[in-house]
Amino acid sequence: MKILHTLRHAVMALALLPALAFAGPVDINSADARTLAKELQGVGLARAQAIVEYREKNGAFKRAEDLAQVKGIGMKVIEHNRENIKLGGKAAARATAD
């Protein structure tokens, strides 16, 4: 009985791993700080807030590499999250028009 109980807990923990280990796509031109922190690995709330502040001051990001202009965001973080970094939203359309 104890083995079944332990096994059940192990299966439940393993079922949660994909949700914890994989981030989802996020539009860095429209997401709020909380969403950025949740979806970008290696980006906590303070760095996410810095991304939002940089975007508000300087306009939309045109390339993922532009995130390196934000204090605390390096190329390693960008490369680690490249597949999940999306550039879109109204802000990107304005940036393209400029």
N, C-alpha and C. Protein backbone atom coordinates (compact mmCIF):
# COMPACT_ATOMS: atom_id res chain seq x y z
N MET A 1 0.82 -1.19 0.00
CA MET A 1 0.00 0.00 0.00
C MET A 1 0.87 1.26 0.00
N LYS A 2 1.94 1.23 0.78
CA LYS A 2 2.83 2.39 0.84
C LYS A 2 3.50 2.62 -0.53
N ILE A 3 3.82 1.56 -1.24
CA ILE A 3 4.44 1.67 -2.56
C ILE A 3 3.47 2.36 -3.54
N LEU A 4 2.20 1.99 -3.48
CA LEU A 4 1.20 2.62 -4.36
C LEU A 4 1.06 4.11 -4.06
N HIS A 5 1.09 4.44 -2.80
CA HIS A 5 0.98 5.85 -2.38
C HIS A 5 2.19 6.64 -2.90
N THR A 6 3.37 6.10 -2.76
CA THR A 6 4.58 6.74 -3.25
C THR A 6 4.57 6.85 -4.76
N LEU A 7 4.15 5.80 -5.42
CA LEU A 7 4.07 5.80 -6.88
C LEU A 7 3.07 6.84 -7.38
N ARG A 8 1.95 6.97 -6.71
CA ARG A 8 0.94 7.95 -7.10
C ARG A 8 1.50 9.36 -7.00
N HIS A 9 2.25 9.65 -5.94
CA HIS A 9 2.86 10.97 -5.78
C HIS A 9 3.92 11.23 -6.86
N ALA A 10 4.67 10.21 -7.19
CA ALA A 10 5.70 10.35 -8.22
C ALA A 10 5.06 10.64 -9.57
N VAL A 11 3.99 9.95 -9.89
CA VAL A 11 3.30 10.17 -11.17
C VAL A 11 2.72 11.58 -11.21
N MET A 12 2.14 12.04 -10.12
CA MET A 12 1.58 13.39 -10.07
C MET A 12 2.68 14.43 -10.26
N ALA A 13 3.81 14.24 -9.63
CA ALA A 13 4.93 15.17 -9.77
C ALA A 13 5.45 15.20 -11.20
N LEU A 14 5.58 14.05 -11.81
CA LEU A 14 6.04 13.98 -13.19
C LEU A 14 5.05 14.64 -14.15
N ALA A 15 3.78 14.55 -13.85
CA ALA A 15 2.77 15.16 -14.70
C ALA A 15 2.89 16.68 -14.68
N LEU A 16 3.36 17.24 -13.60
CA LEU A 16 3.51 18.70 -13.49
C LEU A 16 4.79 19.22 -14.12
N LEU A 17 5.79 18.37 -14.32
CA LEU A 17 7.08 18.83 -14.84
C LEU A 17 7.00 19.56 -16.17
N PRO A 18 6.27 19.07 -17.17
CA PRO A 18 6.23 19.81 -18.43
C PRO A 18 5.73 21.23 -18.26
N ALA A 19 4.76 21.44 -17.40
CA ALA A 19 4.24 22.78 -17.19
C ALA A 19 5.27 23.67 -16.52
N LEU A 20 6.11 23.11 -15.69
CA LEU A 20 7.12 23.89 -15.00
C LEU A 20 8.38 24.09 -15.83
N ALA A 21 8.69 23.14 -16.68
CA ALA A 21 9.95 23.16 -17.40
C ALA A 21 9.91 23.92 -18.71
N PHE A 22 8.76 24.02 -19.32
CA PHE A 22 8.68 24.63 -20.64
C PHE A 22 7.87 25.92 -20.58
N ALA A 23 8.47 26.96 -21.13
CA ALA A 23 7.77 28.23 -21.21
C ALA A 23 6.98 28.26 -22.51
N GLY A 24 6.04 29.14 -22.55
CA GLY A 24 5.25 29.28 -23.77
C GLY A 24 5.64 30.51 -24.55
N PRO A 25 5.16 30.64 -25.76
CA PRO A 25 5.47 31.82 -26.55
C PRO A 25 4.94 33.09 -25.89
N VAL A 26 5.69 34.16 -26.01
CA VAL A 26 5.27 35.43 -25.41
C VAL A 26 5.67 36.57 -26.33
N ASP A 27 4.75 37.48 -26.54
CA ASP A 27 4.99 38.67 -27.35
C ASP A 27 5.67 39.71 -26.46
N ILE A 28 6.94 39.95 -26.72
CA ILE A 28 7.70 40.87 -25.87
C ILE A 28 7.31 42.33 -26.09
N ASN A 29 6.49 42.59 -27.10
CA ASN A 29 6.03 43.95 -27.36
C ASN A 29 4.69 44.27 -26.74
N SER A 30 4.02 43.28 -26.18
CA SER A 30 2.72 43.56 -25.59
C SER A 30 2.51 42.91 -24.22
N ALA A 31 3.31 41.94 -23.86
CA ALA A 31 3.11 41.22 -22.59
C ALA A 31 3.46 42.11 -21.40
N ASP A 32 2.72 41.91 -20.32
CA ASP A 32 3.05 42.64 -19.09
C ASP A 32 4.19 41.92 -18.37
N ALA A 33 4.71 42.56 -17.34
CA ALA A 33 5.89 42.04 -16.63
C ALA A 33 5.63 40.66 -16.03
N ARG A 34 4.46 40.46 -15.49
CA ARG A 34 4.14 39.17 -14.86
C ARG A 34 4.17 38.04 -15.89
N THR A 35 3.62 38.31 -17.07
CA THR A 35 3.61 37.31 -18.14
C THR A 35 5.02 37.04 -18.65
N LEU A 36 5.80 38.09 -18.83
CA LEU A 36 7.18 37.91 -19.28
C LEU A 36 7.96 37.04 -18.29
N ALA A 37 7.81 37.33 -17.00
CA ALA A 37 8.53 36.57 -15.97
C ALA A 37 8.10 35.11 -15.97
N LYS A 38 6.83 34.87 -16.22
CA LYS A 38 6.30 33.51 -16.21
C LYS A 38 6.78 32.71 -17.43
N GLU A 39 6.83 33.35 -18.59
CA GLU A 39 7.08 32.64 -19.83
C GLU A 39 8.53 32.61 -20.29
N LEU A 40 9.36 33.52 -19.82
CA LEU A 40 10.76 33.54 -20.24
C LEU A 40 11.64 32.97 -19.14
N GLN A 41 12.34 31.90 -19.44
CA GLN A 41 13.20 31.27 -18.46
C GLN A 41 14.41 32.16 -18.20
N GLY A 42 14.76 32.30 -16.94
CA GLY A 42 15.89 33.13 -16.55
C GLY A 42 15.53 34.60 -16.39
N VAL A 43 14.23 34.90 -16.52
CA VAL A 43 13.75 36.27 -16.36
C VAL A 43 12.76 36.29 -15.20
N GLY A 44 13.18 36.94 -14.13
CA GLY A 44 12.30 37.09 -12.98
C GLY A 44 11.48 38.36 -13.12
N LEU A 45 10.73 38.68 -12.09
CA LEU A 45 9.84 39.84 -12.15
C LEU A 45 10.61 41.15 -12.31
N ALA A 46 11.76 41.29 -11.65
CA ALA A 46 12.53 42.53 -11.78
C ALA A 46 13.03 42.73 -13.20
N ARG A 47 13.58 41.70 -13.81
CA ARG A 47 14.04 41.81 -15.20
C ARG A 47 12.88 42.02 -16.15
N ALA A 48 11.78 41.36 -15.89
CA ALA A 48 10.59 41.52 -16.73
C ALA A 48 10.09 42.96 -16.66
N GLN A 49 10.11 43.53 -15.47
CA GLN A 49 9.69 44.93 -15.33
C GLN A 49 10.65 45.85 -16.08
N ALA A 50 11.94 45.51 -16.07
CA ALA A 50 12.92 46.30 -16.83
C ALA A 50 12.65 46.22 -18.33
N ILE A 51 12.21 45.06 -18.81
CA ILE A 51 11.85 44.90 -20.22
C ILE A 51 10.68 45.81 -20.56
N VAL A 52 9.65 45.81 -19.73
CA VAL A 52 8.47 46.64 -19.97
C VAL A 52 8.85 48.12 -19.94
N GLU A 53 9.65 48.53 -18.96
CA GLU A 53 10.06 49.93 -18.86
C GLU A 53 10.89 50.35 -20.06
N TYR A 54 11.80 49.49 -20.51
CA TYR A 54 12.61 49.79 -21.68
C TYR A 54 11.71 49.95 -22.91
N ARG A 55 10.77 49.05 -23.07
CA ARG A 55 9.85 49.09 -24.21
C ARG A 55 9.00 50.36 -24.19
N GLU A 56 8.53 50.76 -23.01
CA GLU A 56 7.72 51.97 -22.90
C GLU A 56 8.54 53.22 -23.22
N LYS A 57 9.80 53.22 -22.85
CA LYS A 57 10.67 54.39 -23.07
C LYS A 57 11.20 54.44 -24.50
N ASN A 58 11.53 53.28 -25.10
CA ASN A 58 12.23 53.23 -26.38
C ASN A 58 11.41 52.70 -27.55
N GLY A 59 10.21 52.24 -27.29
CA GLY A 59 9.38 51.69 -28.36
C GLY A 59 9.54 50.19 -28.48
N ALA A 60 8.86 49.65 -29.45
CA ALA A 60 8.80 48.20 -29.65
C ALA A 60 10.16 47.61 -30.00
N PHE A 61 10.33 46.37 -29.59
CA PHE A 61 11.51 45.61 -29.97
C PHE A 61 11.32 45.16 -31.42
N LYS A 62 12.33 45.32 -32.22
CA LYS A 62 12.24 44.92 -33.63
C LYS A 62 12.82 43.53 -33.86
N ARG A 63 13.75 43.13 -32.99
CA ARG A 63 14.39 41.81 -33.07
C ARG A 63 14.54 41.28 -31.65
N ALA A 64 14.61 39.98 -31.53
CA ALA A 64 14.81 39.38 -30.20
C ALA A 64 16.11 39.89 -29.58
N GLU A 65 17.13 40.08 -30.41
CA GLU A 65 18.44 40.53 -29.91
C GLU A 65 18.37 41.91 -29.26
N ASP A 66 17.35 42.69 -29.57
CA ASP A 66 17.19 44.01 -28.96
C ASP A 66 16.99 43.92 -27.45
N LEU A 67 16.55 42.77 -26.98
CA LEU A 67 16.38 42.58 -25.53
C LEU A 67 17.71 42.75 -24.79
N ALA A 68 18.82 42.54 -25.48
CA ALA A 68 20.14 42.68 -24.84
C ALA A 68 20.40 44.12 -24.42
N GLN A 69 19.62 45.06 -24.92
CA GLN A 69 19.76 46.47 -24.52
C GLN A 69 19.19 46.71 -23.12
N VAL A 70 18.41 45.76 -22.63
CA VAL A 70 17.80 45.87 -21.30
C VAL A 70 18.80 45.38 -20.26
N LYS A 71 19.03 46.20 -19.25
CA LYS A 71 19.97 45.82 -18.19
C LYS A 71 19.54 44.50 -17.56
N GLY A 72 20.48 43.56 -17.49
CA GLY A 72 20.21 42.27 -16.87
C GLY A 72 19.81 41.18 -17.85
N ILE A 73 19.61 41.55 -19.12
CA ILE A 73 19.24 40.56 -20.13
C ILE A 73 20.44 40.39 -21.07
N GLY A 74 20.99 39.21 -21.09
CA GLY A 74 22.14 38.93 -21.95
C GLY A 74 21.76 38.00 -23.08
N MET A 75 22.71 37.80 -23.96
CA MET A 75 22.47 36.94 -25.12
C MET A 75 22.17 35.50 -24.69
N LYS A 76 22.72 35.07 -23.58
CA LYS A 76 22.45 33.71 -23.11
C LYS A 76 20.96 33.53 -22.81
N VAL A 77 20.36 34.51 -22.17
CA VAL A 77 18.92 34.45 -21.87
C VAL A 77 18.12 34.50 -23.17
N ILE A 78 18.54 35.35 -24.09
CA ILE A 78 17.84 35.47 -25.37
C ILE A 78 17.91 34.15 -26.13
N GLU A 79 19.08 33.58 -26.23
CA GLU A 79 19.24 32.32 -26.96
C GLU A 79 18.44 31.19 -26.31
N HIS A 80 18.43 31.17 -24.99
CA HIS A 80 17.70 30.13 -24.27
C HIS A 80 16.20 30.22 -24.53
N ASN A 81 15.70 31.43 -24.79
CA ASN A 81 14.26 31.66 -24.97
C ASN A 81 13.86 31.96 -26.41
N ARG A 82 14.80 31.91 -27.32
CA ARG A 82 14.55 32.38 -28.70
C ARG A 82 13.26 31.83 -29.30
N GLU A 83 13.00 30.56 -29.14
CA GLU A 83 11.81 29.96 -29.76
C GLU A 83 10.51 30.49 -29.17
N ASN A 84 10.57 31.02 -27.96
CA ASN A 84 9.36 31.52 -27.30
C ASN A 84 9.20 33.03 -27.40
N ILE A 85 10.19 33.73 -27.93
CA ILE A 85 10.12 35.18 -28.06
C ILE A 85 9.39 35.52 -29.35
N LYS A 86 8.28 36.21 -29.22
CA LYS A 86 7.49 36.64 -30.36
C LYS A 86 7.52 38.16 -30.45
N LEU A 87 7.50 38.66 -31.67
CA LEU A 87 7.46 40.10 -31.92
C LEU A 87 6.18 40.40 -32.66
N GLY A 88 5.27 41.03 -32.00
CA GLY A 88 4.00 41.31 -32.63
C GLY A 88 3.27 42.40 -31.89
N GLY A 89 2.00 42.40 -32.05
CA GLY A 89 1.17 43.39 -31.39
C GLY A 89 1.20 44.72 -32.09
N LYS A 90 0.42 45.65 -31.60
CA LYS A 90 0.32 46.98 -32.18
C LYS A 90 1.65 47.71 -32.12
N ALA A 91 2.41 47.48 -31.06
CA ALA A 91 3.69 48.17 -30.91
C ALA A 91 4.65 47.82 -32.02
N ALA A 92 4.69 46.57 -32.43
CA ALA A 92 5.59 46.14 -33.50
C ALA A 92 5.15 46.74 -34.83
N ALA A 93 3.87 46.86 -35.05
CA ALA A 93 3.37 47.46 -36.28
C ALA A 93 3.78 48.93 -36.35
N ARG A 94 3.72 49.64 -35.23
CA ARG A 94 4.17 51.04 -35.20
C ARG A 94 5.65 51.13 -35.45
N ALA A 95 6.42 50.22 -34.88
CA ALA A 95 7.88 50.23 -35.06
C ALA A 95 8.24 50.01 -36.52
N THR A 96 7.53 49.14 -37.19
CA THR A 96 7.78 48.87 -38.60
C THR A 96 7.45 50.09 -39.45
N ALA A 97 6.41 50.80 -39.08
CA ALA A 97 6.00 51.98 -39.82
C ALA A 97 7.02 53.12 -39.67
N ASP A 98 7.70 53.16 -38.52
CA ASP A 98 8.68 54.24 -38.27
C ASP A 98 9.88 54.11 -39.07
